[in-house]
Amino acid sequence: MKLFDLRHPFFRPLWRRVAVTAVCVVWAVVELMGGNVFWAILFGGLGGLCAWEFFVVYDEANYADRDDKGGS
């Protein structure tokens, strides 16, 4: 189990991927405007990671339902 599993079936619908990425980027801007550089960098990086995973290297096969009954 990963801390940030961006290939979870929850993220299959496009609107969820767009919403999560947009919230991270918008929150980074809010933090930057408030003078909180650390949080701005943190959320900006997370938004960039989401954009990369959800739109640049996206593959529908990575988001198939998982069968957790058999093994690791």
PDB file of N, CA and C in Angstrom:
ATOM      1  N   MET A   1       0.841  -1.184   0.000  1.00  0.00           N
ATOM      2  CA  MET A   1       0.000   0.000   0.000  1.00  0.00           C
ATOM      3  C   MET A   1       0.884   1.245   0.000  1.00  0.00           C
ATOM      4  N   LYS A   2       0.625   2.134  -0.948  1.00  0.00           N
ATOM      5  CA  LYS A   2       1.401   3.361  -1.056  1.00  0.00           C
ATOM      6  C   LYS A   2       0.667   4.504  -0.371  1.00  0.00           C
ATOM      7  N   LEU A   3       1.423   5.499   0.042  1.00  0.00           N
ATOM      8  CA  LEU A   3       0.828   6.668   0.669  1.00  0.00           C
ATOM      9  C   LEU A   3      -0.050   7.436  -0.327  1.00  0.00           C
ATOM     10  N   PHE A   4       0.471   7.670  -1.523  1.00  0.00           N
ATOM     11  CA  PHE A   4      -0.281   8.328  -2.585  1.00  0.00           C
ATOM     12  C   PHE A   4      -0.404   7.346  -3.739  1.00  0.00           C
ATOM     13  N   ASP A   5      -1.491   6.608  -3.785  1.00  0.00           N
ATOM     14  CA  ASP A   5      -1.715   5.651  -4.862  1.00  0.00           C
ATOM     15  C   ASP A   5      -2.535   6.336  -5.945  1.00  0.00           C
ATOM     16  N   LEU A   6      -1.854   6.977  -6.877  1.00  0.00           N
ATOM     17  CA  LEU A   6      -2.526   7.730  -7.920  1.00  0.00           C
ATOM     18  C   LEU A   6      -3.046   6.838  -9.036  1.00  0.00           C
ATOM     19  N   ARG A   7      -2.788   5.541  -8.945  1.00  0.00           N
ATOM     20  CA  ARG A   7      -3.310   4.601  -9.942  1.00  0.00           C
ATOM     21  C   ARG A   7      -4.442   3.763  -9.378  1.00  0.00           C
ATOM     22  N   HIS A   8      -5.134   4.296  -8.416  1.00  0.00           N
ATOM     23  CA  HIS A   8      -6.269   3.612  -7.794  1.00  0.00           C
ATOM     24  C   HIS A   8      -7.490   3.736  -8.719  1.00  0.00           C
ATOM     25  N   PRO A   9      -8.351   2.719  -8.760  1.00  0.00           N
ATOM     26  CA  PRO A   9      -9.547   2.793  -9.619  1.00  0.00           C
ATOM     27  C   PRO A   9     -10.455   3.992  -9.329  1.00  0.00           C
ATOM     28  N   PHE A  10     -10.351   4.586  -8.162  1.00  0.00           N
ATOM     29  CA  PHE A  10     -11.128   5.787  -7.836  1.00  0.00           C
ATOM     30  C   PHE A  10     -10.885   6.902  -8.854  1.00  0.00           C
ATOM     31  N   PHE A  11      -9.678   6.961  -9.413  1.00  0.00           N
ATOM     32  CA  PHE A  11      -9.307   8.043 -10.323  1.00  0.00           C
ATOM     33  C   PHE A  11      -9.613   7.743 -11.781  1.00  0.00           C
ATOM     34  N   ARG A  12     -10.375   6.714 -12.082  1.00  0.00           N
ATOM     35  CA  ARG A  12     -10.696   6.382 -13.468  1.00  0.00           C
ATOM     36  C   ARG A  12     -11.505   7.484 -14.154  1.00  0.00           C
ATOM     37  N   PRO A  13     -12.561   8.043 -13.543  1.00  0.00           N
ATOM     38  CA  PRO A  13     -13.325   9.108 -14.233  1.00  0.00           C
ATOM     39  C   PRO A  13     -12.480  10.383 -14.418  1.00  0.00           C
ATOM     40  N   LEU A  14     -12.592  10.964 -15.586  1.00  0.00           N
ATOM     41  CA  LEU A  14     -11.812  12.162 -15.914  1.00  0.00           C
ATOM     42  C   LEU A  14     -12.095  13.305 -14.960  1.00  0.00           C
ATOM     43  N   TRP A  15     -13.345  13.510 -14.577  1.00  0.00           N
ATOM     44  CA  TRP A  15     -13.682  14.652 -13.724  1.00  0.00           C
ATOM     45  C   TRP A  15     -12.977  14.573 -12.376  1.00  0.00           C
ATOM     46  N   ARG A  16     -12.765  13.376 -11.851  1.00  0.00           N
ATOM     47  CA  ARG A  16     -12.063  13.250 -10.568  1.00  0.00           C
ATOM     48  C   ARG A  16     -10.590  13.600 -10.720  1.00  0.00           C
ATOM     49  N   ARG A  17      -9.999  13.173 -11.824  1.00  0.00           N
ATOM     50  CA  ARG A  17      -8.585  13.488 -12.050  1.00  0.00           C
ATOM     51  C   ARG A  17      -8.385  14.987 -12.236  1.00  0.00           C
ATOM     52  N   VAL A  18      -9.286  15.610 -12.966  1.00  0.00           N
ATOM     53  CA  VAL A  18      -9.211  17.067 -13.174  1.00  0.00           C
ATOM     54  C   VAL A  18      -9.428  17.794 -11.849  1.00  0.00           C
ATOM     55  N   ALA A  19     -10.417  17.363 -11.074  1.00  0.00           N
ATOM     56  CA  ALA A  19     -10.738  18.033  -9.805  1.00  0.00           C
ATOM     57  C   ALA A  19      -9.577  17.950  -8.816  1.00  0.00           C
ATOM     58  N   VAL A  20      -8.982  16.773  -8.661  1.00  0.00           N
ATOM     59  CA  VAL A  20      -7.880  16.616  -7.706  1.00  0.00           C
ATOM     60  C   VAL A  20      -6.682  17.459  -8.126  1.00  0.00           C
ATOM     61  N   THR A  21      -6.367  17.449  -9.409  1.00  0.00           N
ATOM     62  CA  THR A  21      -5.241  18.238  -9.898  1.00  0.00           C
ATOM     63  C   THR A  21      -5.509  19.737  -9.720  1.00  0.00           C
ATOM     64  N   ALA A  22      -6.712  20.176 -10.062  1.00  0.00           N
ATOM     65  CA  ALA A  22      -7.057  21.594  -9.947  1.00  0.00           C
ATOM     66  C   ALA A  22      -7.043  22.065  -8.497  1.00  0.00           C
ATOM     67  N   VAL A  23      -7.559  21.263  -7.587  1.00  0.00           N
ATOM     68  CA  VAL A  23      -7.562  21.647  -6.168  1.00  0.00           C
ATOM     69  C   VAL A  23      -6.135  21.806  -5.661  1.00  0.00           C
ATOM     70  N   CYS A  24      -5.254  20.897  -6.026  1.00  0.00           N
ATOM     71  CA  CYS A  24      -3.856  21.003  -5.581  1.00  0.00           C
ATOM     72  C   CYS A  24      -3.191  22.266  -6.120  1.00  0.00           C
ATOM     73  N   VAL A  25      -3.394  22.553  -7.393  1.00  0.00           N
ATOM     74  CA  VAL A  25      -2.756  23.723  -7.997  1.00  0.00           C
ATOM     75  C   VAL A  25      -3.349  25.016  -7.437  1.00  0.00           C
ATOM     76  N   VAL A  26      -4.671  25.073  -7.321  1.00  0.00           N
ATOM     77  CA  VAL A  26      -5.309  26.270  -6.768  1.00  0.00           C
ATOM     78  C   VAL A  26      -4.879  26.497  -5.326  1.00  0.00           C
ATOM     79  N   TRP A  27      -4.789  25.423  -4.550  1.00  0.00           N
ATOM     80  CA  TRP A  27      -4.367  25.582  -3.158  1.00  0.00           C
ATOM     81  C   TRP A  27      -2.915  26.050  -3.077  1.00  0.00           C
ATOM     82  N   ALA A  28      -2.082  25.611  -4.005  1.00  0.00           N
ATOM     83  CA  ALA A  28      -0.698  26.091  -4.041  1.00  0.00           C
ATOM     84  C   ALA A  28      -0.666  27.597  -4.282  1.00  0.00           C
ATOM     85  N   VAL A  29      -1.513  28.085  -5.177  1.00  0.00           N
ATOM     86  CA  VAL A  29      -1.578  29.526  -5.452  1.00  0.00           C
ATOM     87  C   VAL A  29      -2.078  30.280  -4.223  1.00  0.00           C
ATOM     88  N   VAL A  30      -3.098  29.735  -3.553  1.00  0.00           N
ATOM     89  CA  VAL A  30      -3.625  30.375  -2.340  1.00  0.00           C
ATOM     90  C   VAL A  30      -2.530  30.481  -1.283  1.00  0.00           C
ATOM     91  N   GLU A  31      -1.788  29.410  -1.083  1.00  0.00           N
ATOM     92  CA  GLU A  31      -0.714  29.426  -0.090  1.00  0.00           C
ATOM     93  C   GLU A  31       0.393  30.405  -0.481  1.00  0.00           C
ATOM     94  N   LEU A  32       0.714  30.465  -1.763  1.00  0.00           N
ATOM     95  CA  LEU A  32       1.739  31.394  -2.225  1.00  0.00           C
ATOM     96  C   LEU A  32       1.304  32.835  -2.022  1.00  0.00           C
ATOM     97  N   MET A  33       0.044  33.126  -2.271  1.00  0.00           N
ATOM     98  CA  MET A  33      -0.472  34.479  -2.055  1.00  0.00           C
ATOM     99  C   MET A  33      -0.491  34.837  -0.578  1.00  0.00           C
ATOM    100  N   GLY A  34      -0.603  33.845   0.275  1.00  0.00           N
ATOM    101  CA  GLY A  34      -0.585  34.077   1.712  1.00  0.00           C
ATOM    102  C   GLY A  34       0.819  34.132   2.290  1.00  0.00           C
ATOM    103  N   GLY A  35       1.820  33.926   1.451  1.00  0.00           N
ATOM    104  CA  GLY A  35       3.200  34.012   1.902  1.00  0.00           C
ATOM    105  C   GLY A  35       3.742  32.724   2.502  1.00  0.00           C
ATOM    106  N   ASN A  36       3.042  31.619   2.326  1.00  0.00           N
ATOM    107  CA  ASN A  36       3.476  30.334   2.864  1.00  0.00           C
ATOM    108  C   ASN A  36       4.159  29.525   1.767  1.00  0.00           C
ATOM    109  N   VAL A  37       5.433  29.793   1.586  1.00  0.00           N
ATOM    110  CA  VAL A  37       6.170  29.207   0.470  1.00  0.00           C
ATOM    111  C   VAL A  37       6.285  27.696   0.614  1.00  0.00           C
ATOM    112  N   PHE A  38       6.528  27.195   1.813  1.00  0.00           N
ATOM    113  CA  PHE A  38       6.666  25.750   2.011  1.00  0.00           C
ATOM    114  C   PHE A  38       5.419  25.005   1.532  1.00  0.00           C
ATOM    115  N   TRP A  39       4.242  25.436   1.969  1.00  0.00           N
ATOM    116  CA  TRP A  39       3.003  24.764   1.580  1.00  0.00           C
ATOM    117  C   TRP A  39       2.708  24.962   0.101  1.00  0.00           C
ATOM    118  N   ALA A  40       3.066  26.110  -0.434  1.00  0.00           N
ATOM    119  CA  ALA A  40       2.877  26.349  -1.866  1.00  0.00           C
ATOM    120  C   ALA A  40       3.710  25.373  -2.688  1.00  0.00           C
ATOM    121  N   ILE A  41       4.956  25.159  -2.287  1.00  0.00           N
ATOM    122  CA  ILE A  41       5.818  24.212  -2.991  1.00  0.00           C
ATOM    123  C   ILE A  41       5.291  22.792  -2.838  1.00  0.00           C
ATOM    124  N   LEU A  42       4.843  22.453  -1.641  1.00  0.00           N
ATOM    125  CA  LEU A  42       4.324  21.112  -1.387  1.00  0.00           C
ATOM    126  C   LEU A  42       3.093  20.818  -2.260  1.00  0.00           C
ATOM    127  N   PHE A  43       2.109  21.709  -2.242  1.00  0.00           N
ATOM    128  CA  PHE A  43       0.901  21.480  -3.027  1.00  0.00           C
ATOM    129  C   PHE A  43       1.143  21.670  -4.520  1.00  0.00           C
ATOM    130  N   GLY A  44       2.047  22.556  -4.881  1.00  0.00           N
ATOM    131  CA  GLY A  44       2.400  22.711  -6.296  1.00  0.00           C
ATOM    132  C   GLY A  44       3.067  21.452  -6.834  1.00  0.00           C
ATOM    133  N   GLY A  45       3.939  20.870  -6.030  1.00  0.00           N
ATOM    134  CA  GLY A  45       4.576  19.609  -6.431  1.00  0.00           C
ATOM    135  C   GLY A  45       3.578  18.479  -6.548  1.00  0.00           C
ATOM    136  N   LEU A  46       2.648  18.419  -5.600  1.00  0.00           N
ATOM    137  CA  LEU A  46       1.615  17.394  -5.654  1.00  0.00           C
ATOM    138  C   LEU A  46       0.709  17.605  -6.879  1.00  0.00           C
ATOM    139  N   GLY A  47       0.392  18.838  -7.189  1.00  0.00           N
ATOM    140  CA  GLY A  47      -0.394  19.131  -8.391  1.00  0.00           C
ATOM    141  C   GLY A  47       0.355  18.748  -9.657  1.00  0.00           C
ATOM    142  N   GLY A  48       1.653  19.004  -9.673  1.00  0.00           N
ATOM    143  CA  GLY A  48       2.470  18.601 -10.825  1.00  0.00           C
ATOM    144  C   GLY A  48       2.545  17.094 -10.972  1.00  0.00           C
ATOM    145  N   LEU A  49       2.679  16.399  -9.843  1.00  0.00           N
ATOM    146  CA  LEU A  49       2.700  14.934  -9.860  1.00  0.00           C
ATOM    147  C   LEU A  49       1.367  14.386 -10.373  1.00  0.00           C
ATOM    148  N   CYS A  50       0.270  14.960  -9.919  1.00  0.00           N
ATOM    149  CA  CYS A  50      -1.052  14.530 -10.384  1.00  0.00           C
ATOM    150  C   CYS A  50      -1.204  14.798 -11.882  1.00  0.00           C
ATOM    151  N   ALA A  51      -0.785  15.967 -12.336  1.00  0.00           N
ATOM    152  CA  ALA A  51      -0.879  16.287 -13.757  1.00  0.00           C
ATOM    153  C   ALA A  51      -0.063  15.302 -14.593  1.00  0.00           C
ATOM    154  N   TRP A  52       1.123  14.978 -14.135  1.00  0.00           N
ATOM    155  CA  TRP A  52       1.976  14.028 -14.860  1.00  0.00           C
ATOM    156  C   TRP A  52       1.321  12.653 -14.927  1.00  0.00           C
ATOM    157  N   GLU A  53       0.879  12.161 -13.774  1.00  0.00           N
ATOM    158  CA  GLU A  53       0.315  10.806 -13.699  1.00  0.00           C
ATOM    159  C   GLU A  53      -1.044  10.701 -14.384  1.00  0.00           C
ATOM    160  N   PHE A  54      -1.884  11.726 -14.251  1.00  0.00           N
ATOM    161  CA  PHE A  54      -3.245  11.655 -14.757  1.00  0.00           C
ATOM    162  C   PHE A  54      -3.391  12.032 -16.224  1.00  0.00           C
ATOM    163  N   PHE A  55      -2.466  12.820 -16.763  1.00  0.00           N
ATOM    164  CA  PHE A  55      -2.668  13.326 -18.115  1.00  0.00           C
ATOM    165  C   PHE A  55      -1.513  13.043 -19.071  1.00  0.00           C
ATOM    166  N   VAL A  56      -0.281  13.000 -18.594  1.00  0.00           N
ATOM    167  CA  VAL A  56       0.856  12.793 -19.487  1.00  0.00           C
ATOM    168  C   VAL A  56       1.109  11.308 -19.713  1.00  0.00           C
ATOM    169  N   VAL A  57       1.200  10.526 -18.645  1.00  0.00           N
ATOM    170  CA  VAL A  57       1.503   9.097 -18.774  1.00  0.00           C
ATOM    171  C   VAL A  57       0.281   8.233 -18.485  1.00  0.00           C
ATOM    172  N   TYR A  58      -0.911   8.789 -18.608  1.00  0.00           N
ATOM    173  CA  TYR A  58      -2.152   8.086 -18.295  1.00  0.00           C
ATOM    174  C   TYR A  58      -2.323   6.863 -19.192  1.00  0.00           C
ATOM    175  N   ASP A  59      -2.687   5.738 -18.569  1.00  0.00           N
ATOM    176  CA  ASP A  59      -3.008   4.511 -19.282  1.00  0.00           C
ATOM    177  C   ASP A  59      -4.211   3.885 -18.587  1.00  0.00           C
ATOM    178  N   GLU A  60      -5.283   3.692 -19.306  1.00  0.00           N
ATOM    179  CA  GLU A  60      -6.527   3.161 -18.734  1.00  0.00           C
ATOM    180  C   GLU A  60      -6.303   1.821 -18.030  1.00  0.00           C
ATOM    181  N   ALA A  61      -5.362   1.024 -18.505  1.00  0.00           N
ATOM    182  CA  ALA A  61      -5.107  -0.296 -17.903  1.00  0.00           C
ATOM    183  C   ALA A  61      -4.597  -0.180 -16.466  1.00  0.00           C
ATOM    184  N   ASN A  62      -3.979   0.926 -16.125  1.00  0.00           N
ATOM    185  CA  ASN A  62      -3.468   1.113 -14.761  1.00  0.00           C
ATOM    186  C   ASN A  62      -4.587   1.323 -13.749  1.00  0.00           C
ATOM    187  N   TYR A  63      -5.790   1.609 -14.222  1.00  0.00           N
ATOM    188  CA  TYR A  63      -6.893   1.946 -13.331  1.00  0.00           C
ATOM    189  C   TYR A  63      -7.978   0.872 -13.305  1.00  0.00           C
ATOM    190  N   ALA A  64      -7.642  -0.320 -13.752  1.00  0.00           N
ATOM    191  CA  ALA A  64      -8.604  -1.425 -13.736  1.00  0.00           C
ATOM    192  C   ALA A  64      -8.888  -1.823 -12.289  1.00  0.00           C
ATOM    193  N   ASP A  65     -10.090  -2.359 -12.072  1.00  0.00           N
ATOM    194  CA  ASP A  65     -10.430  -2.845 -10.724  1.00  0.00           C
ATOM    195  C   ASP A  65      -9.449  -3.919 -10.303  1.00  0.00           C
ATOM    196  N   ARG A  66      -9.082  -3.892  -9.046  1.00  0.00           N
ATOM    197  CA  ARG A  66      -8.077  -4.813  -8.524  1.00  0.00           C
ATOM    198  C   ARG A  66      -8.724  -5.967  -7.801  1.00  0.00           C
ATOM    199  N   ASP A  67      -8.115  -7.118  -7.909  1.00  0.00           N
ATOM    200  CA  ASP A  67      -8.559  -8.294  -7.157  1.00  0.00           C
ATOM    201  C   ASP A  67      -7.549  -8.518  -6.050  1.00  0.00           C
ATOM    202  N   ASP A  68      -7.851  -8.018  -4.863  1.00  0.00           N
ATOM    203  CA  ASP A  68      -6.911  -8.080  -3.741  1.00  0.00           C
ATOM    204  C   ASP A  68      -6.965  -9.396  -2.985  1.00  0.00           C
ATOM    205  N   LYS A  69      -7.665 -10.386  -3.487  1.00  0.00           N
ATOM    206  CA  LYS A  69      -7.806 -11.648  -2.771  1.00  0.00           C
ATOM    207  C   LYS A  69      -6.566 -12.534  -2.887  1.00  0.00           C
ATOM    208  N   GLY A  70      -5.774 -12.348  -3.912  1.00  0.00           N
ATOM    209  CA  GLY A  70      -4.724 -13.325  -4.158  1.00  0.00           C
ATOM    210  C   GLY A  70      -3.316 -12.828  -4.029  1.00  0.00           C
ATOM    211  N   GLY A  71      -2.847 -12.508  -2.843  1.00  0.00           N
ATOM    212  CA  GLY A  71      -1.419 -12.243  -2.694  1.00  0.00           C
ATOM    213  C   GLY A  71      -1.097 -10.872  -2.203  1.00  0.00           C
ATOM    214  N   SER A  72       0.052 -10.386  -2.656  1.00  0.00           N
ATOM    215  CA  SER A  72       0.577  -9.135  -2.182  1.00  0.00           C
ATOM    216  C   SER A  72      -0.139  -8.028  -2.853  1.00  0.00           C
TER     217      SER A  72
END
